[in-house]
């Protein structure tokens, strides 16, 4: 079995929320998942912090927190 897990939150603030998500699959299935994933995304890696701060691949994306003329 192979697992990919990712967490978010729980940084010791008031009202902290901790989330955990992931995938678990047998190795043979995982190789098929990776093939599809690589076809769609290539070697790109998604980091929410980059998206939120409009950094890297997201530098030219509009920011919903700012007014768009």
PDB file of N, CA and C in Angstrom:
ATOM      1  N   UNK A   1       0.838  -1.176   0.000  1.00  0.00           N
ATOM      2  CA  UNK A   1       0.000   0.000   0.000  1.00  0.00           C
ATOM      3  C   UNK A   1       0.885   1.242   0.000  1.00  0.00           C
ATOM      4  N   UNK A   2       0.430   2.257  -0.719  1.00  0.00           N
ATOM      5  CA  UNK A   2       1.114   3.554  -0.763  1.00  0.00           C
ATOM      6  C   UNK A   2       0.097   4.610  -0.351  1.00  0.00           C
ATOM      7  N   UNK A   3       0.567   5.572   0.433  1.00  0.00           N
ATOM      8  CA  UNK A   3      -0.330   6.628   0.895  1.00  0.00           C
ATOM      9  C   UNK A   3       0.296   7.982   0.643  1.00  0.00           C
ATOM     10  N   UNK A   4      -0.535   8.952   0.284  1.00  0.00           N
ATOM     11  CA  UNK A   4      -0.136  10.353   0.212  1.00  0.00           C
ATOM     12  C   UNK A   4      -1.080  11.102   1.132  1.00  0.00           C
ATOM     13  N   UNK A   5      -0.519  11.808   2.109  1.00  0.00           N
ATOM     14  CA  UNK A   5      -1.315  12.566   3.064  1.00  0.00           C
ATOM     15  C   UNK A   5      -0.820  13.995   3.118  1.00  0.00           C
ATOM     16  N   UNK A   6      -1.726  14.920   3.373  1.00  0.00           N
ATOM     17  CA  UNK A   6      -1.352  16.327   3.507  1.00  0.00           C
ATOM     18  C   UNK A   6      -2.217  16.939   4.593  1.00  0.00           C
ATOM     19  N   UNK A   7      -1.620  17.834   5.365  1.00  0.00           N
ATOM     20  CA  UNK A   7      -2.342  18.480   6.454  1.00  0.00           C
ATOM     21  C   UNK A   7      -2.381  19.977   6.249  1.00  0.00           C
ATOM     22  N   UNK A   8      -3.288  20.600   6.945  1.00  0.00           N
ATOM     23  CA  UNK A   8      -3.386  22.054   6.923  1.00  0.00           C
ATOM     24  C   UNK A   8      -3.967  22.510   8.248  1.00  0.00           C
ATOM     25  N   UNK A   9      -3.552  23.688   8.686  1.00  0.00           N
ATOM     26  CA  UNK A   9      -4.107  24.266   9.908  1.00  0.00           C
ATOM     27  C   UNK A   9      -3.346  23.877  11.146  1.00  0.00           C
ATOM     28  N   UNK A  10      -3.993  24.081  12.285  1.00  0.00           N
ATOM     29  CA  UNK A  10      -3.445  23.764  13.611  1.00  0.00           C
ATOM     30  C   UNK A  10      -2.112  24.464  13.851  1.00  0.00           C
ATOM     31  N   UNK A  11      -2.132  25.774  13.765  1.00  0.00           N
ATOM     32  CA  UNK A  11      -0.917  26.555  14.029  1.00  0.00           C
ATOM     33  C   UNK A  11      -1.020  27.293  15.361  1.00  0.00           C
ATOM     34  N   UNK A  12      -1.738  26.695  16.301  1.00  0.00           N
ATOM     35  CA  UNK A  12      -1.846  27.156  17.676  1.00  0.00           C
ATOM     36  C   UNK A  12      -2.551  28.496  17.849  1.00  0.00           C
ATOM     37  N   UNK A  13      -3.424  28.850  16.941  1.00  0.00           N
ATOM     38  CA  UNK A  13      -4.209  30.073  17.083  1.00  0.00           C
ATOM     39  C   UNK A  13      -5.547  29.770  17.720  1.00  0.00           C
ATOM     40  N   UNK A  14      -6.243  30.794  18.163  1.00  0.00           N
ATOM     41  CA  UNK A  14      -7.574  30.544  18.733  1.00  0.00           C
ATOM     42  C   UNK A  14      -8.520  30.048  17.642  1.00  0.00           C
ATOM     43  N   UNK A  15      -9.281  29.057  17.953  1.00  0.00           N
ATOM     44  CA  UNK A  15     -10.229  28.519  16.973  1.00  0.00           C
ATOM     45  C   UNK A  15      -9.557  27.733  15.864  1.00  0.00           C
ATOM     46  N   UNK A  16      -8.365  27.210  16.130  1.00  0.00           N
ATOM     47  CA  UNK A  16      -7.637  26.434  15.130  1.00  0.00           C
ATOM     48  C   UNK A  16      -8.463  25.261  14.615  1.00  0.00           C
ATOM     49  N   UNK A  17      -8.305  24.985  13.349  1.00  0.00           N
ATOM     50  CA  UNK A  17      -8.926  23.819  12.738  1.00  0.00           C
ATOM     51  C   UNK A  17      -7.825  23.042  12.054  1.00  0.00           C
ATOM     52  N   UNK A  18      -7.806  21.746  12.257  1.00  0.00           N
ATOM     53  CA  UNK A  18      -6.821  20.874  11.634  1.00  0.00           C
ATOM     54  C   UNK A  18      -7.536  20.024  10.598  1.00  0.00           C
ATOM     55  N   UNK A  19      -6.980  19.959   9.391  1.00  0.00           N
ATOM     56  CA  UNK A  19      -7.560  19.110   8.353  1.00  0.00           C
ATOM     57  C   UNK A  19      -6.493  18.154   7.833  1.00  0.00           C
ATOM     58  N   UNK A  20      -6.929  17.011   7.397  1.00  0.00           N
ATOM     59  CA  UNK A  20      -6.031  16.004   6.845  1.00  0.00           C
ATOM     60  C   UNK A  20      -6.748  15.342   5.686  1.00  0.00           C
ATOM     61  N   UNK A  21      -6.059  15.251   4.576  1.00  0.00           N
ATOM     62  CA  UNK A  21      -6.636  14.592   3.410  1.00  0.00           C
ATOM     63  C   UNK A  21      -5.599  13.692   2.782  1.00  0.00           C
ATOM     64  N   UNK A  22      -6.035  12.738   2.012  1.00  0.00           N
ATOM     65  CA  UNK A  22      -5.055  11.878   1.374  1.00  0.00           C
ATOM     66  C   UNK A  22      -5.660  10.794   0.522  1.00  0.00           C
ATOM     67  N   UNK A  23      -4.750  10.015  -0.039  1.00  0.00           N
ATOM     68  CA  UNK A  23      -5.096   8.888  -0.894  1.00  0.00           C
ATOM     69  C   UNK A  23      -4.314   7.670  -0.415  1.00  0.00           C
ATOM     70  N   UNK A  24      -4.939   6.517  -0.439  1.00  0.00           N
ATOM     71  CA  UNK A  24      -4.281   5.260  -0.124  1.00  0.00           C
ATOM     72  C   UNK A  24      -4.673   4.271  -1.212  1.00  0.00           C
ATOM     73  N   UNK A  25      -3.669   3.579  -1.774  1.00  0.00           N
ATOM     74  CA  UNK A  25      -3.961   2.615  -2.841  1.00  0.00           C
ATOM     75  C   UNK A  25      -2.864   1.555  -2.906  1.00  0.00           C
ATOM     76  N   UNK A  26      -3.216   0.446  -3.516  1.00  0.00           N
ATOM     77  CA  UNK A  26      -2.203  -0.579  -3.771  1.00  0.00           C
ATOM     78  C   UNK A  26      -1.196  -0.024  -4.784  1.00  0.00           C
ATOM     79  N   UNK A  27       0.012  -0.559  -4.768  1.00  0.00           N
ATOM     80  CA  UNK A  27       1.075  -0.038  -5.631  1.00  0.00           C
ATOM     81  C   UNK A  27       0.690  -0.089  -7.112  1.00  0.00           C
ATOM     82  N   UNK A  28       0.061  -1.165  -7.559  1.00  0.00           N
ATOM     83  CA  UNK A  28      -0.317  -1.269  -8.973  1.00  0.00           C
ATOM     84  C   UNK A  28      -1.315  -0.183  -9.357  1.00  0.00           C
ATOM     85  N   UNK A  29      -2.265   0.111  -8.491  1.00  0.00           N
ATOM     86  CA  UNK A  29      -3.247   1.167  -8.751  1.00  0.00           C
ATOM     87  C   UNK A  29      -2.567   2.531  -8.687  1.00  0.00           C
ATOM     88  N   UNK A  30      -1.657   2.691  -7.734  1.00  0.00           N
ATOM     89  CA  UNK A  30      -0.967   3.965  -7.553  1.00  0.00           C
ATOM     90  C   UNK A  30      -0.200   4.351  -8.816  1.00  0.00           C
ATOM     91  N   UNK A  31       0.421   3.383  -9.485  1.00  0.00           N
ATOM     92  CA  UNK A  31       1.165   3.674 -10.726  1.00  0.00           C
ATOM     93  C   UNK A  31       0.228   4.208 -11.798  1.00  0.00           C
ATOM     94  N   UNK A  32      -0.992   3.701 -11.864  1.00  0.00           N
ATOM     95  CA  UNK A  32      -1.966   4.213 -12.838  1.00  0.00           C
ATOM     96  C   UNK A  32      -2.411   5.623 -12.456  1.00  0.00           C
ATOM     97  N   UNK A  33      -2.604   5.865 -11.156  1.00  0.00           N
ATOM     98  CA  UNK A  33      -2.981   7.203 -10.690  1.00  0.00           C
ATOM     99  C   UNK A  33      -1.883   8.202 -11.046  1.00  0.00           C
ATOM    100  N   UNK A  34      -0.629   7.835 -10.793  1.00  0.00           N
ATOM    101  CA  UNK A  34       0.492   8.728 -11.110  1.00  0.00           C
ATOM    102  C   UNK A  34       0.570   9.031 -12.601  1.00  0.00           C
ATOM    103  N   UNK A  35       0.313   8.041 -13.439  1.00  0.00           N
ATOM    104  CA  UNK A  35       0.370   8.251 -14.895  1.00  0.00           C
ATOM    105  C   UNK A  35      -0.656   9.288 -15.317  1.00  0.00           C
ATOM    106  N   UNK A  36      -1.874   9.197 -14.801  1.00  0.00           N
ATOM    107  CA  UNK A  36      -2.922  10.168 -15.141  1.00  0.00           C
ATOM    108  C   UNK A  36      -2.552  11.540 -14.581  1.00  0.00           C
ATOM    109  N   UNK A  37      -2.119  11.575 -13.340  1.00  0.00           N
ATOM    110  CA  UNK A  37      -1.733  12.827 -12.683  1.00  0.00           C
ATOM    111  C   UNK A  37      -0.630  13.533 -13.477  1.00  0.00           C
ATOM    112  N   UNK A  38       0.412  12.779 -13.856  1.00  0.00           N
ATOM    113  CA  UNK A  38       1.529  13.365 -14.602  1.00  0.00           C
ATOM    114  C   UNK A  38       1.098  13.851 -15.982  1.00  0.00           C
ATOM    115  N   UNK A  39       0.157  13.168 -16.609  1.00  0.00           N
ATOM    116  CA  UNK A  39      -0.355  13.606 -17.906  1.00  0.00           C
ATOM    117  C   UNK A  39      -1.019  14.974 -17.782  1.00  0.00           C
ATOM    118  N   UNK A  40      -1.787  15.155 -16.722  1.00  0.00           N
ATOM    119  CA  UNK A  40      -2.517  16.407 -16.531  1.00  0.00           C
ATOM    120  C   UNK A  40      -1.655  17.519 -15.954  1.00  0.00           C
ATOM    121  N   UNK A  41      -0.807  17.216 -15.002  1.00  0.00           N
ATOM    122  CA  UNK A  41      -0.063  18.262 -14.296  1.00  0.00           C
ATOM    123  C   UNK A  41       1.430  18.304 -14.601  1.00  0.00           C
ATOM    124  N   UNK A  42       1.971  17.256 -15.166  1.00  0.00           N
ATOM    125  CA  UNK A  42       3.410  17.228 -15.395  1.00  0.00           C
ATOM    126  C   UNK A  42       4.143  17.236 -14.055  1.00  0.00           C
ATOM    127  N   UNK A  43       5.184  18.039 -13.964  1.00  0.00           N
ATOM    128  CA  UNK A  43       5.972  18.070 -12.733  1.00  0.00           C
ATOM    129  C   UNK A  43       5.538  19.197 -11.795  1.00  0.00           C
ATOM    130  N   UNK A  44       4.426  19.881 -12.139  1.00  0.00           N
ATOM    131  CA  UNK A  44       3.961  20.975 -11.277  1.00  0.00           C
ATOM    132  C   UNK A  44       3.480  20.450  -9.940  1.00  0.00           C
ATOM    133  N   UNK A  45       3.695  21.258  -8.925  1.00  0.00           N
ATOM    134  CA  UNK A  45       3.244  20.932  -7.575  1.00  0.00           C
ATOM    135  C   UNK A  45       2.371  22.086  -7.105  1.00  0.00           C
ATOM    136  N   UNK A  46       1.210  21.762  -6.540  1.00  0.00           N
ATOM    137  CA  UNK A  46       0.314  22.799  -6.059  1.00  0.00           C
ATOM    138  C   UNK A  46       0.581  23.064  -4.584  1.00  0.00           C
ATOM    139  N   UNK A  47       0.831  24.339  -4.255  1.00  0.00           N
ATOM    140  CA  UNK A  47       0.950  24.768  -2.872  1.00  0.00           C
ATOM    141  C   UNK A  47      -0.062  25.887  -2.655  1.00  0.00           C
ATOM    142  N   UNK A  48      -0.958  25.713  -1.717  1.00  0.00           N
ATOM    143  CA  UNK A  48      -2.009  26.696  -1.463  1.00  0.00           C
ATOM    144  C   UNK A  48      -1.421  28.064  -1.138  1.00  0.00           C
ATOM    145  N   UNK A  49      -0.290  28.086  -0.439  1.00  0.00           N
ATOM    146  CA  UNK A  49       0.329  29.370  -0.086  1.00  0.00           C
ATOM    147  C   UNK A  49       0.718  30.140  -1.349  1.00  0.00           C
ATOM    148  N   UNK A  50       1.182  29.440  -2.387  1.00  0.00           N
ATOM    149  CA  UNK A  50       1.523  30.107  -3.648  1.00  0.00           C
ATOM    150  C   UNK A  50       0.270  30.648  -4.322  1.00  0.00           C
ATOM    151  N   UNK A  51      -0.803  29.868  -4.290  1.00  0.00           N
ATOM    152  CA  UNK A  51      -2.060  30.314  -4.879  1.00  0.00           C
ATOM    153  C   UNK A  51      -2.597  31.537  -4.139  1.00  0.00           C
ATOM    154  N   UNK A  52      -2.639  31.480  -2.825  1.00  0.00           N
ATOM    155  CA  UNK A  52      -3.181  32.584  -2.024  1.00  0.00           C
ATOM    156  C   UNK A  52      -2.385  33.870  -2.202  1.00  0.00           C
ATOM    157  N   UNK A  53      -1.074  33.742  -2.392  1.00  0.00           N
ATOM    158  CA  UNK A  53      -0.214  34.923  -2.533  1.00  0.00           C
ATOM    159  C   UNK A  53       0.098  35.268  -3.981  1.00  0.00           C
ATOM    160  N   UNK A  54      -0.549  34.551  -4.914  1.00  0.00           N
ATOM    161  CA  UNK A  54      -0.358  34.795  -6.352  1.00  0.00           C
ATOM    162  C   UNK A  54       1.132  34.799  -6.701  1.00  0.00           C
ATOM    163  N   UNK A  55       1.776  33.680  -6.347  1.00  0.00           N
ATOM    164  CA  UNK A  55       3.208  33.506  -6.557  1.00  0.00           C
ATOM    165  C   UNK A  55       3.438  32.387  -7.568  1.00  0.00           C
ATOM    166  N   UNK A  56       4.533  32.447  -8.317  1.00  0.00           N
ATOM    167  CA  UNK A  56       4.886  31.379  -9.254  1.00  0.00           C
ATOM    168  C   UNK A  56       3.872  31.252 -10.370  1.00  0.00           C
ATOM    169  N   UNK A  57       3.337  30.039 -10.556  1.00  0.00           N
ATOM    170  CA  UNK A  57       2.353  29.779 -11.617  1.00  0.00           C
ATOM    171  C   UNK A  57       1.104  30.644 -11.490  1.00  0.00           C
ATOM    172  N   UNK A  58       0.871  31.209 -10.310  1.00  0.00           N
ATOM    173  CA  UNK A  58      -0.343  31.979 -10.057  1.00  0.00           C
ATOM    174  C   UNK A  58      -0.103  33.484 -10.048  1.00  0.00           C
ATOM    175  N   UNK A  59       1.091  33.917 -10.437  1.00  0.00           N
ATOM    176  CA  UNK A  59       1.445  35.343 -10.372  1.00  0.00           C
ATOM    177  C   UNK A  59       0.486  36.230 -11.163  1.00  0.00           C
ATOM    178  N   UNK A  60      -0.030  35.759 -12.269  1.00  0.00           N
ATOM    179  CA  UNK A  60      -0.909  36.580 -13.115  1.00  0.00           C
ATOM    180  C   UNK A  60      -2.390  36.318 -12.886  1.00  0.00           C
ATOM    181  N   UNK A  61      -2.720  35.489 -11.923  1.00  0.00           N
ATOM    182  CA  UNK A  61      -4.127  35.224 -11.632  1.00  0.00           C
ATOM    183  C   UNK A  61      -4.718  36.417 -10.905  1.00  0.00           C
ATOM    184  N   UNK A  62      -5.984  36.737 -11.186  1.00  0.00           N
ATOM    185  CA  UNK A  62      -6.609  37.846 -10.443  1.00  0.00           C
ATOM    186  C   UNK A  62      -6.775  37.470  -8.972  1.00  0.00           C
ATOM    187  N   UNK A  63      -6.646  38.452  -8.120  1.00  0.00           N
ATOM    188  CA  UNK A  63      -6.797  38.228  -6.687  1.00  0.00           C
ATOM    189  C   UNK A  63      -8.197  38.679  -6.280  1.00  0.00           C
ATOM    190  N   UNK A  64      -9.033  37.765  -5.794  1.00  0.00           N
ATOM    191  CA  UNK A  64     -10.409  38.141  -5.441  1.00  0.00           C
ATOM    192  C   UNK A  64     -10.475  39.128  -4.287  1.00  0.00           C
ATOM    193  N   UNK A  65      -9.370  39.323  -3.571  1.00  0.00           N
ATOM    194  CA  UNK A  65      -9.360  40.268  -2.458  1.00  0.00           C
ATOM    195  C   UNK A  65      -9.092  41.692  -2.934  1.00  0.00           C
ATOM    196  N   UNK A  66      -8.711  41.837  -4.204  1.00  0.00           N
ATOM    197  CA  UNK A  66      -8.426  43.149  -4.772  1.00  0.00           C
ATOM    198  C   UNK A  66      -9.470  43.487  -5.823  1.00  0.00           C
ATOM    199  N   UNK A  67      -9.731  44.774  -6.003  1.00  0.00           N
ATOM    200  CA  UNK A  67     -10.688  45.207  -7.020  1.00  0.00           C
ATOM    201  C   UNK A  67     -10.064  45.039  -8.409  1.00  0.00           C
ATOM    202  N   UNK A  68     -10.866  44.571  -9.322  1.00  0.00           N
ATOM    203  CA  UNK A  68     -10.427  44.438 -10.717  1.00  0.00           C
ATOM    204  C   UNK A  68     -11.148  45.513 -11.516  1.00  0.00           C
ATOM    205  N   UNK A  69     -10.386  46.344 -12.188  1.00  0.00           N
ATOM    206  CA  UNK A  69     -10.976  47.435 -12.977  1.00  0.00           C
ATOM    207  C   UNK A  69     -11.708  46.905 -14.193  1.00  0.00           C
TER     208      UNK A  69
END
